Amino acid sequence: MSRLESFIRRLTAQRDILDQVCAEVAKIEGPVLELGLGNGRTFHHLRERLPGRRIVAFDRALAAHASSIPEAENLVLGEIRETASRFIGIGAALVHADIGTGYEDRDAVTATWLPDLIARLLRVGGIAVSGTPLDHPQLQRLAPPPSVPADRYYICRRV
């Protein structure tokens, strides 16, 4: 599969999963955390799907489109592993992590710390959506929508 096809499949999976979980997330108290703001497409999508909800976005550096930049108090810049750790216990309703690089060796390192971080950011019953597998005893894997191939994108609930 070409990198373009892979990118399209990833974004389609992302959209379909977020559309599926946002109705449930709307009923759960707590902020939404966006780990990996990038150019802000997903942040913008979440803002439209969850109007009025606090969304805190994290990234190494600001590279988002001007229409997709959160308010200063909801933008956290720096190494995500370190900056997001300061939010442990916040009781997030949703954590979305799109921080994969496409390099297996680098993503394998991320997979060693990301699941535990997400489990500690979420409230019980909160939802995690990630392009990286989230293997953790407190994260129960949920089925993606039928449009999303298995192991393309991951959904978990904090138990």
N, C-alpha and C. Protein backbone atom coordinates (compact mmCIF):
# COMPACT_ATOMS: atom_id res chain seq x y z
N MET A 1 0.85 -1.18 0.00
CA MET A 1 0.00 0.00 0.00
C MET A 1 0.90 1.24 0.00
N SER A 2 0.54 2.22 -0.81
CA SER A 2 1.32 3.45 -0.86
C SER A 2 1.17 4.23 0.44
N ARG A 3 2.09 5.10 0.70
CA ARG A 3 2.01 5.94 1.90
C ARG A 3 0.77 6.84 1.83
N LEU A 4 0.40 7.29 0.63
CA LEU A 4 -0.80 8.10 0.48
C LEU A 4 -2.04 7.31 0.88
N GLU A 5 -2.14 6.08 0.37
CA GLU A 5 -3.29 5.23 0.73
C GLU A 5 -3.32 4.98 2.23
N SER A 6 -2.16 4.73 2.82
CA SER A 6 -2.09 4.50 4.26
C SER A 6 -2.55 5.73 5.03
N PHE A 7 -2.13 6.91 4.60
CA PHE A 7 -2.54 8.16 5.24
C PHE A 7 -4.05 8.35 5.16
N ILE A 8 -4.62 8.10 3.99
CA ILE A 8 -6.07 8.24 3.81
C ILE A 8 -6.82 7.26 4.71
N ARG A 9 -6.34 6.03 4.77
CA ARG A 9 -6.99 5.03 5.63
C ARG A 9 -6.90 5.42 7.09
N ARG A 10 -5.75 5.97 7.50
CA ARG A 10 -5.58 6.38 8.90
C ARG A 10 -6.54 7.51 9.24
N LEU A 11 -6.63 8.52 8.38
CA LEU A 11 -7.53 9.64 8.66
C LEU A 11 -9.00 9.24 8.61
N THR A 12 -9.34 8.35 7.70
CA THR A 12 -10.72 7.86 7.63
C THR A 12 -11.06 7.09 8.90
N ALA A 13 -10.14 6.24 9.35
CA ALA A 13 -10.36 5.49 10.58
C ALA A 13 -10.50 6.44 11.77
N GLN A 14 -9.63 7.42 11.82
CA GLN A 14 -9.68 8.42 12.89
C GLN A 14 -11.04 9.10 12.95
N ARG A 15 -11.50 9.58 11.80
CA ARG A 15 -12.79 10.27 11.74
C ARG A 15 -13.93 9.35 12.14
N ASP A 16 -13.95 8.16 11.60
CA ASP A 16 -15.06 7.24 11.89
C ASP A 16 -15.10 6.86 13.36
N ILE A 17 -13.94 6.62 13.96
CA ILE A 17 -13.90 6.27 15.38
C ILE A 17 -14.31 7.47 16.24
N LEU A 18 -13.76 8.64 15.95
CA LEU A 18 -14.12 9.81 16.75
C LEU A 18 -15.61 10.13 16.63
N ASP A 19 -16.16 9.99 15.44
CA ASP A 19 -17.60 10.21 15.29
C ASP A 19 -18.40 9.22 16.12
N GLN A 20 -17.91 7.98 16.19
CA GLN A 20 -18.61 6.96 16.99
C GLN A 20 -18.54 7.26 18.48
N VAL A 21 -17.38 7.67 18.98
CA VAL A 21 -17.23 7.84 20.43
C VAL A 21 -17.70 9.19 20.95
N CYS A 22 -17.79 10.19 20.10
CA CYS A 22 -18.15 11.53 20.59
C CYS A 22 -19.53 11.58 21.23
N ALA A 23 -20.47 10.83 20.74
CA ALA A 23 -21.81 10.82 21.36
C ALA A 23 -21.72 10.31 22.80
N GLU A 24 -20.90 9.31 23.02
CA GLU A 24 -20.72 8.78 24.37
C GLU A 24 -19.89 9.74 25.23
N VAL A 25 -18.84 10.29 24.67
CA VAL A 25 -17.98 11.22 25.40
C VAL A 25 -18.77 12.44 25.86
N ALA A 26 -19.75 12.86 25.07
CA ALA A 26 -20.57 14.02 25.43
C ALA A 26 -21.29 13.81 26.76
N LYS A 27 -21.47 12.55 27.17
CA LYS A 27 -22.17 12.22 28.42
C LYS A 27 -21.22 12.02 29.59
N ILE A 28 -19.91 12.08 29.34
CA ILE A 28 -18.90 11.84 30.38
C ILE A 28 -18.28 13.17 30.78
N GLU A 29 -18.20 13.43 32.07
CA GLU A 29 -17.57 14.66 32.55
C GLU A 29 -16.07 14.59 32.34
N GLY A 30 -15.48 15.75 32.18
CA GLY A 30 -14.03 15.84 32.07
C GLY A 30 -13.60 16.43 30.74
N PRO A 31 -12.38 16.92 30.70
CA PRO A 31 -11.87 17.52 29.46
C PRO A 31 -11.51 16.46 28.42
N VAL A 32 -11.24 16.93 27.24
CA VAL A 32 -10.71 16.12 26.15
C VAL A 32 -9.25 16.50 25.99
N LEU A 33 -8.39 15.50 25.85
CA LEU A 33 -6.96 15.76 25.65
C LEU A 33 -6.57 15.26 24.27
N GLU A 34 -5.93 16.12 23.52
CA GLU A 34 -5.46 15.82 22.16
C GLU A 34 -3.94 15.74 22.21
N LEU A 35 -3.40 14.52 22.21
CA LEU A 35 -1.96 14.33 22.25
C LEU A 35 -1.45 14.27 20.82
N GLY A 36 -0.85 15.36 20.38
CA GLY A 36 -0.40 15.48 19.00
C GLY A 36 -1.31 16.39 18.21
N LEU A 37 -1.16 17.68 18.38
CA LEU A 37 -2.01 18.64 17.68
C LEU A 37 -1.74 18.65 16.17
N GLY A 38 -0.48 18.55 15.78
CA GLY A 38 -0.14 18.57 14.35
C GLY A 38 -0.68 19.82 13.69
N ASN A 39 -1.34 19.66 12.55
CA ASN A 39 -1.88 20.84 11.87
C ASN A 39 -3.28 21.19 12.38
N GLY A 40 -3.78 20.42 13.33
CA GLY A 40 -5.03 20.78 14.01
C GLY A 40 -6.30 20.20 13.42
N ARG A 41 -6.21 19.33 12.43
CA ARG A 41 -7.43 18.78 11.83
C ARG A 41 -8.31 18.06 12.85
N THR A 42 -7.69 17.19 13.65
CA THR A 42 -8.48 16.43 14.61
C THR A 42 -9.01 17.33 15.71
N PHE A 43 -8.21 18.26 16.17
CA PHE A 43 -8.67 19.23 17.17
C PHE A 43 -9.91 19.96 16.66
N HIS A 44 -9.84 20.41 15.43
CA HIS A 44 -10.96 21.14 14.81
C HIS A 44 -12.19 20.25 14.75
N HIS A 45 -12.01 18.98 14.37
CA HIS A 45 -13.11 18.02 14.28
C HIS A 45 -13.73 17.81 15.67
N LEU A 46 -12.89 17.62 16.68
CA LEU A 46 -13.40 17.42 18.03
C LEU A 46 -14.13 18.66 18.54
N ARG A 47 -13.63 19.82 18.21
CA ARG A 47 -14.29 21.07 18.62
C ARG A 47 -15.70 21.16 18.03
N GLU A 48 -15.85 20.72 16.79
CA GLU A 48 -17.18 20.72 16.17
C GLU A 48 -18.09 19.64 16.74
N ARG A 49 -17.53 18.48 17.06
CA ARG A 49 -18.34 17.37 17.57
C ARG A 49 -18.69 17.52 19.05
N LEU A 50 -17.86 18.26 19.79
CA LEU A 50 -18.07 18.43 21.23
C LEU A 50 -18.06 19.92 21.58
N PRO A 51 -19.04 20.67 21.08
CA PRO A 51 -19.04 22.12 21.31
C PRO A 51 -19.10 22.45 22.80
N GLY A 52 -18.30 23.42 23.19
CA GLY A 52 -18.29 23.87 24.58
C GLY A 52 -17.40 23.04 25.48
N ARG A 53 -16.88 21.94 24.99
CA ARG A 53 -16.03 21.08 25.82
C ARG A 53 -14.61 21.62 25.84
N ARG A 54 -13.99 21.58 27.02
CA ARG A 54 -12.58 21.97 27.09
C ARG A 54 -11.74 20.91 26.39
N ILE A 55 -10.92 21.36 25.44
CA ILE A 55 -10.00 20.47 24.72
C ILE A 55 -8.60 21.03 24.91
N VAL A 56 -7.75 20.24 25.54
CA VAL A 56 -6.37 20.62 25.76
C VAL A 56 -5.52 19.88 24.75
N ALA A 57 -4.74 20.63 23.97
CA ALA A 57 -3.91 20.04 22.92
C ALA A 57 -2.44 20.12 23.30
N PHE A 58 -1.72 19.05 23.00
CA PHE A 58 -0.29 18.94 23.31
C PHE A 58 0.47 18.70 22.01
N ASP A 59 1.63 19.30 21.90
CA ASP A 59 2.53 19.00 20.79
C ASP A 59 3.92 19.53 21.12
N ARG A 60 4.90 19.07 20.36
CA ARG A 60 6.28 19.52 20.57
C ARG A 60 6.41 21.00 20.23
N ALA A 61 5.80 21.39 19.13
CA ALA A 61 5.86 22.78 18.66
C ALA A 61 4.56 23.09 17.94
N LEU A 62 4.22 24.34 17.86
CA LEU A 62 2.99 24.76 17.20
C LEU A 62 3.18 24.78 15.68
N ALA A 63 2.36 23.97 14.99
CA ALA A 63 2.40 23.92 13.52
C ALA A 63 0.99 23.88 12.94
N ALA A 64 0.00 24.17 13.77
CA ALA A 64 -1.40 24.06 13.35
C ALA A 64 -1.83 25.23 12.47
N HIS A 65 -2.83 24.96 11.65
CA HIS A 65 -3.49 26.00 10.86
C HIS A 65 -4.10 27.01 11.83
N ALA A 66 -4.12 28.25 11.46
CA ALA A 66 -4.61 29.32 12.33
C ALA A 66 -6.03 29.07 12.84
N SER A 67 -6.87 28.40 12.06
CA SER A 67 -8.25 28.14 12.48
C SER A 67 -8.35 26.97 13.45
N SER A 68 -7.23 26.31 13.72
CA SER A 68 -7.25 25.10 14.54
C SER A 68 -6.27 25.17 15.71
N ILE A 69 -6.10 26.35 16.23
CA ILE A 69 -5.22 26.53 17.39
C ILE A 69 -6.09 26.79 18.61
N PRO A 70 -5.90 26.00 19.67
CA PRO A 70 -6.69 26.24 20.89
C PRO A 70 -6.26 27.52 21.58
N GLU A 71 -7.08 27.95 22.53
CA GLU A 71 -6.75 29.11 23.35
C GLU A 71 -5.43 28.82 24.06
N ALA A 72 -4.69 29.86 24.40
CA ALA A 72 -3.37 29.71 25.01
C ALA A 72 -3.39 28.80 26.24
N GLU A 73 -4.43 28.92 27.06
CA GLU A 73 -4.48 28.11 28.29
C GLU A 73 -4.75 26.63 28.01
N ASN A 74 -5.12 26.30 26.77
CA ASN A 74 -5.41 24.92 26.39
C ASN A 74 -4.42 24.38 25.37
N LEU A 75 -3.27 25.03 25.25
CA LEU A 75 -2.21 24.58 24.35
C LEU A 75 -0.95 24.36 25.19
N VAL A 76 -0.43 23.13 25.13
CA VAL A 76 0.73 22.76 25.93
C VAL A 76 1.83 22.29 24.98
N LEU A 77 2.93 23.04 24.94
CA LEU A 77 4.02 22.73 24.02
C LEU A 77 5.21 22.14 24.77
N GLY A 78 5.89 21.22 24.11
CA GLY A 78 7.04 20.54 24.68
C GLY A 78 6.92 19.05 24.40
N GLU A 79 7.84 18.27 24.94
CA GLU A 79 7.79 16.82 24.75
C GLU A 79 6.53 16.26 25.41
N ILE A 80 5.68 15.63 24.63
CA ILE A 80 4.37 15.19 25.11
C ILE A 80 4.48 14.27 26.32
N ARG A 81 5.43 13.37 26.30
CA ARG A 81 5.59 12.45 27.43
C ARG A 81 5.76 13.22 28.74
N GLU A 82 6.49 14.31 28.69
CA GLU A 82 6.75 15.11 29.89
C GLU A 82 5.61 16.08 30.19
N THR A 83 5.14 16.80 29.18
CA THR A 83 4.12 17.82 29.44
C THR A 83 2.78 17.22 29.83
N ALA A 84 2.40 16.14 29.18
CA ALA A 84 1.11 15.50 29.52
C ALA A 84 1.15 14.87 30.90
N SER A 85 2.32 14.45 31.34
CA SER A 85 2.45 13.86 32.68
C SER A 85 2.01 14.83 33.77
N ARG A 86 2.12 16.12 33.50
CA ARG A 86 1.69 17.12 34.49
C ARG A 86 0.16 17.15 34.63
N PHE A 87 -0.55 16.47 33.72
CA PHE A 87 -2.01 16.45 33.76
C PHE A 87 -2.56 15.13 34.30
N ILE A 88 -1.68 14.27 34.80
CA ILE A 88 -2.13 13.00 35.38
C ILE A 88 -3.13 13.30 36.49
N GLY A 89 -4.24 12.57 36.47
CA GLY A 89 -5.29 12.76 37.46
C GLY A 89 -6.35 13.77 37.05
N ILE A 90 -6.26 14.33 35.86
CA ILE A 90 -7.23 15.35 35.41
C ILE A 90 -8.61 14.74 35.18
N GLY A 91 -8.70 13.44 35.00
CA GLY A 91 -10.00 12.80 34.79
C GLY A 91 -10.58 13.09 33.42
N ALA A 92 -9.78 12.90 32.39
CA ALA A 92 -10.24 13.18 31.03
C ALA A 92 -11.35 12.23 30.61
N ALA A 93 -12.30 12.78 29.87
CA ALA A 93 -13.37 11.97 29.28
C ALA A 93 -12.87 11.26 28.03
N LEU A 94 -11.97 11.92 27.29
CA LEU A 94 -11.41 11.37 26.06
C LEU A 94 -9.96 11.80 25.95
N VAL A 95 -9.11 10.83 25.60
CA VAL A 95 -7.74 11.13 25.21
C VAL A 95 -7.56 10.58 23.81
N HIS A 96 -7.21 11.46 22.89
CA HIS A 96 -6.90 11.04 21.52
C HIS A 96 -5.40 11.23 21.32
N ALA A 97 -4.72 10.17 20.88
CA ALA A 97 -3.27 10.23 20.67
C ALA A 97 -2.96 9.87 19.23
N ASP A 98 -2.45 10.84 18.51
CA ASP A 98 -2.01 10.63 17.13
C ASP A 98 -0.56 11.09 17.06
N ILE A 99 0.32 10.28 17.65
CA ILE A 99 1.72 10.68 17.73
C ILE A 99 2.65 9.65 17.10
N GLY A 100 2.10 8.74 16.33
CA GLY A 100 2.95 7.77 15.64
C GLY A 100 3.78 8.45 14.56
N THR A 101 4.91 7.86 14.26
CA THR A 101 5.83 8.43 13.28
C THR A 101 5.86 7.66 11.97
N GLY A 102 5.37 6.42 11.99
CA GLY A 102 5.49 5.56 10.82
C GLY A 102 6.80 4.78 10.80
N TYR A 103 7.66 5.02 11.77
CA TYR A 103 8.91 4.27 11.93
C TYR A 103 8.71 3.27 13.07
N GLU A 104 8.75 1.99 12.75
CA GLU A 104 8.45 0.96 13.75
C GLU A 104 9.30 1.08 15.00
N ASP A 105 10.59 1.35 14.86
CA ASP A 105 11.46 1.42 16.04
C ASP A 105 11.07 2.58 16.95
N ARG A 106 10.77 3.73 16.39
CA ARG A 106 10.37 4.90 17.21
C ARG A 106 9.00 4.67 17.84
N ASP A 107 8.07 4.12 17.05
CA ASP A 107 6.73 3.89 17.58
C ASP A 107 6.73 2.80 18.66
N ALA A 108 7.66 1.85 18.57
CA ALA A 108 7.78 0.83 19.62
C ALA A 108 8.19 1.46 20.94
N VAL A 109 9.03 2.47 20.90
CA VAL A 109 9.42 3.18 22.12
C VAL A 109 8.21 3.92 22.69
N THR A 110 7.46 4.60 21.84
CA THR A 110 6.24 5.31 22.30
C THR A 110 5.27 4.33 22.96
N ALA A 111 5.16 3.14 22.40
CA ALA A 111 4.23 2.14 22.94
C ALA A 111 4.65 1.65 24.33
N THR A 112 5.87 1.94 24.75
CA THR A 112 6.30 1.53 26.10
C THR A 112 5.80 2.48 27.18
N TRP A 113 5.51 3.75 26.82
CA TRP A 113 5.08 4.71 27.84
C TRP A 113 3.68 5.28 27.61
N LEU A 114 3.20 5.28 26.38
CA LEU A 114 1.91 5.92 26.09
C LEU A 114 0.72 5.24 26.78
N PRO A 115 0.59 3.92 26.78
CA PRO A 115 -0.59 3.32 27.42
C PRO A 115 -0.73 3.69 28.90
N ASP A 116 0.37 3.66 29.65
CA ASP A 116 0.29 4.01 31.07
C ASP A 116 -0.07 5.48 31.25
N LEU A 117 0.51 6.34 30.45
CA LEU A 117 0.19 7.76 30.53
C LEU A 117 -1.30 7.98 30.28
N ILE A 118 -1.82 7.37 29.23
CA ILE A 118 -3.24 7.55 28.90
C ILE A 118 -4.12 7.02 30.02
N ALA A 119 -3.80 5.85 30.56
CA ALA A 119 -4.60 5.29 31.65
C ALA A 119 -4.65 6.24 32.84
N ARG A 120 -3.57 6.93 33.10
CA ARG A 120 -3.49 7.84 34.24
C ARG A 120 -4.14 9.20 33.96
N LEU A 121 -4.33 9.54 32.68
CA LEU A 121 -5.01 10.78 32.32
C LEU A 121 -6.52 10.63 32.32
N LEU A 122 -7.01 9.44 32.00
CA LEU A 122 -8.45 9.21 31.85
C LEU A 122 -9.15 9.02 33.18
N ARG A 123 -10.41 9.39 33.23
CA ARG A 123 -11.27 9.03 34.35
C ARG A 123 -11.77 7.62 34.11
N VAL A 124 -12.23 6.94 35.12
CA VAL A 124 -12.84 5.62 34.94
C VAL A 124 -14.05 5.79 34.03
N GLY A 125 -14.14 4.98 33.00
CA GLY A 125 -15.20 5.09 32.01
C GLY A 125 -14.84 5.96 30.82
N GLY A 126 -13.72 6.69 30.94
CA GLY A 126 -13.27 7.54 29.84
C GLY A 126 -12.78 6.70 28.66
N ILE A 127 -12.69 7.35 27.52
CA ILE A 127 -12.36 6.67 26.26
C ILE A 127 -10.99 7.14 25.76
N ALA A 128 -10.22 6.20 25.25
CA ALA A 128 -8.95 6.50 24.59
C ALA A 128 -9.04 6.07 23.14
N VAL A 129 -8.54 6.90 22.26
CA VAL A 129 -8.47 6.61 20.82
C VAL A 129 -7.03 6.87 20.41
N SER A 130 -6.43 5.90 19.72
CA SER A 130 -5.01 6.02 19.43
C SER A 130 -4.62 5.26 18.18
N GLY A 131 -3.64 5.79 17.48
CA GLY A 131 -3.05 5.08 16.36
C GLY A 131 -2.01 4.08 16.83
N THR A 132 -1.62 4.17 18.10
CA THR A 132 -0.66 3.26 18.72
C THR A 132 -1.43 2.28 19.60
N PRO A 133 -1.08 0.99 19.57
CA PRO A 133 -1.76 0.03 20.45
C PRO A 133 -1.65 0.46 21.91
N LEU A 134 -2.71 0.23 22.67
CA LEU A 134 -2.76 0.66 24.07
C LEU A 134 -2.93 -0.56 24.97
N ASP A 135 -1.87 -1.31 25.11
CA ASP A 135 -1.88 -2.51 25.96
C ASP A 135 -1.60 -2.11 27.39
N HIS A 136 -2.65 -2.19 28.22
CA HIS A 136 -2.54 -1.78 29.63
C HIS A 136 -3.68 -2.45 30.39
N PRO A 137 -3.43 -2.93 31.62
CA PRO A 137 -4.49 -3.62 32.36
C PRO A 137 -5.71 -2.76 32.69
N GLN A 138 -5.56 -1.43 32.69
CA GLN A 138 -6.69 -0.56 33.00
C GLN A 138 -7.40 -0.05 31.74
N LEU A 139 -6.96 -0.50 30.58
CA LEU A 139 -7.57 -0.08 29.32
C LEU A 139 -8.18 -1.30 28.62
N GLN A 140 -9.49 -1.29 28.53
CA GLN A 140 -10.22 -2.39 27.89
C GLN A 140 -10.45 -2.04 26.43
N ARG A 141 -9.98 -2.89 25.55
CA ARG A 141 -10.12 -2.63 24.12
C ARG A 141 -11.58 -2.76 23.69
N LEU A 142 -12.01 -1.81 22.85
CA LEU A 142 -13.36 -1.81 22.31
C LEU A 142 -13.29 -2.03 20.80
N ALA A 143 -14.36 -2.52 20.23
CA ALA A 143 -14.40 -2.77 18.79
C ALA A 143 -14.54 -1.46 18.03
N PRO A 144 -13.80 -1.32 16.94
CA PRO A 144 -13.96 -0.12 16.11
C PRO A 144 -15.20 -0.24 15.25
N PRO A 145 -15.62 0.84 14.61
CA PRO A 145 -16.75 0.74 13.68
C PRO A 145 -16.41 -0.23 12.54
N PRO A 146 -17.43 -0.78 11.89
CA PRO A 146 -17.18 -1.74 10.81
C PRO A 146 -16.32 -1.19 9.67
N SER A 147 -16.30 0.13 9.50
CA SER A 147 -15.51 0.73 8.43
C SER A 147 -14.00 0.75 8.71
N VAL A 148 -13.61 0.42 9.93
CA VAL A 148 -12.20 0.50 10.33
C VAL A 148 -11.60 -0.90 10.42
N PRO A 149 -10.59 -1.18 9.60
CA PRO A 149 -9.94 -2.50 9.67
C PRO A 149 -9.32 -2.75 11.05
N ALA A 150 -9.31 -3.99 11.47
CA ALA A 150 -8.71 -4.36 12.75
C ALA A 150 -7.26 -3.89 12.78
N ASP A 151 -6.84 -3.37 13.92
CA ASP A 151 -5.47 -2.91 14.16
C ASP A 151 -5.05 -1.72 13.32
N ARG A 152 -6.00 -1.00 12.74
CA ARG A 152 -5.69 0.24 12.02
C ARG A 152 -5.65 1.41 13.01
N TYR A 153 -6.58 1.40 13.97
CA TYR A 153 -6.69 2.44 14.99
C TYR A 153 -7.32 1.76 16.19
N TYR A 154 -7.11 2.25 17.38
CA TYR A 154 -7.50 1.55 18.59
C TYR A 154 -8.42 2.41 19.45
N ILE A 155 -9.40 1.73 20.07
CA ILE A 155 -10.32 2.38 21.00
C ILE A 155 -10.29 1.57 22.29
N CYS A 156 -10.19 2.26 23.42
CA CYS A 156 -10.19 1.60 24.72
C CYS A 156 -11.04 2.41 25.70
N ARG A 157 -11.51 1.70 26.73
CA ARG A 157 -12.21 2.35 27.83
C ARG A 157 -11.40 2.14 29.09
N ARG A 158 -11.29 3.17 29.90
CA ARG A 158 -10.58 3.06 31.19
C ARG A 158 -11.49 2.32 32.17
N VAL A 159 -11.00 1.21 32.72
CA VAL A 159 -11.77 0.40 33.67
C VAL A 159 -11.19 0.52 35.06
